[in-house]
Amino acid sequence: MEKTILTREGYDKLMEELQYLKGKKRIEVAEQLNVARSHGDLRENAEYDAAKEAKKHLETQIAKLEMKLSHARIVDPSELPQDKAYLGAKLEVQNMESKDKFIYTLVAPDEVDFAAGKISVTSPIGKGLLGKAPGDITEIVIPAGKVKLEVLRFVRD
């Protein structure tokens, strides 16, 4: 399996999700199975079939997360060059046409949260910003056409 590259925050978030699925969610699904079993004949029990399917789906999710985390490589942004945009970099950019400004954090695909400004390094904008420094202008092809962005600065928290 391919390595999953994550920031510490992303790794911790996936680990938290795994603990939830293995704990509280497993208990909920087991209770659903028990309730469905108590309704009698299992051959014609749609509720039991649905509960079994939910358990199967849950166990698949758990297995995928465990595999992903076991192959994870945590990247420490402080170990990366600070003069260019790499995984974990937080930067302010300006759309050259509209003059709108945005702050993006470049993250691994598993950490995307567009509402929080976290974009994947594999997305068109993320790819277009990788390796860029303040003052650089990049033209990026996106589904809606092209966008020209200028990297204004790195944002340090």
Foldseek 3Di string as FASTA:
>chain_A
DDAFEFAPVLLVVLVVVLVCLVPVVLVVLVVQLVVQVVVDDPVPRVSNVVSVVSNVVSVVVNVVSVVRSVRYDHDYVVPDDPFAADQQWWFWKAFPPVRDIDIAHETDPSPDDVVVRYDYCPAQVNVQRGGHGAQDWTWTQHPVGITIMGTHHTDDD
